Amino acid sequence: MTGPLFDHALLSLRRARATRIGGGAFLVERAFDDMLDRIGMVQRRFASALIYGHAEPSWRERLQAAGIANVAVVEPGSATPLPDAADLCISIGALDTAEPLPAVLAAIRHGLAPGALFIGAFVGGDSLPALRSAMRAADLAGGAAAAHVHPRIDPPSFAALLADAGFAMPVVDVDRVRLRYADLGGLVRDLRAMGATNRLRERPRTPILRPGLAAAQRAFAALASDGKTTETVEILHFAGWTPEAIEESY
């Protein structure tokens, strides 16, 4: 495929809908809580922070309560330059749809102060296997394949991208979150509430027809145990440092 992989206008609309629906922030809050714990284990204090991408309303106040006085938010694609005085950059849930990702990481790297920490999380790895199985069943019933779930980056590949962008000591690990659903509709409702339904530019423009939907529901139910199907979301947590003063940070 040439050109953008994601429909970024649709992505903004989906996130706005998720905000109106409410109740879908449990995964990003989990990732943010984990990230705060990781920052607390770093043996240095940060004076200023940049949140790149999504920011829940409480995050600025929570960072300030942790001793970080100055907090700015920059949306992906914004013309606002990165504040080069920032010694901490946080990104939760934004990098899985950032493109071109190597250029985004390089821009963040060059926009931070020497010895700054870049830390965050996003959904990647082998996420949503039950949903992918259900969508394959829908495609088989419909007689044609379609792009329903976007590709995910794996931990080694993202660590390599951090290193290529100039971050030192890149670390990536995985938090595997297992969710239980009585039916496929419950999972889809949660994905809508997160703004995480299909955002691919080359996505199908028509709904799944009744036979395909029935096949998807059967495939999802076939994975159940004790009446519920387990879906897995892999949250990739990462960290890397801009060069200089790295050895004193741990």
Foldseek 3Di string as FASTA:
>chain_A
DDDAFFDVVLLVVLQVLLVVVDDQCPVLVVFLVVQVVVVVPWPDDWAEEEEEADDDPCPVVVVVVVVHPYYYYDYPPDPDQQQADGQEYEYEADQFRDPPNLVVLLSVLVSYYAFHKYKYKHWFDPFFPLQVQLQVQLCVQVVHHFDWADHGDDQVVVQVSNVVSQFPPKDKDKDKDKDKALWPVVVVVSCSSNSNGDGTPRGDPDDRDPRSNVRSGVSSQVCDDPNIHIGIIIMMIMMTTHHDPNVVTD
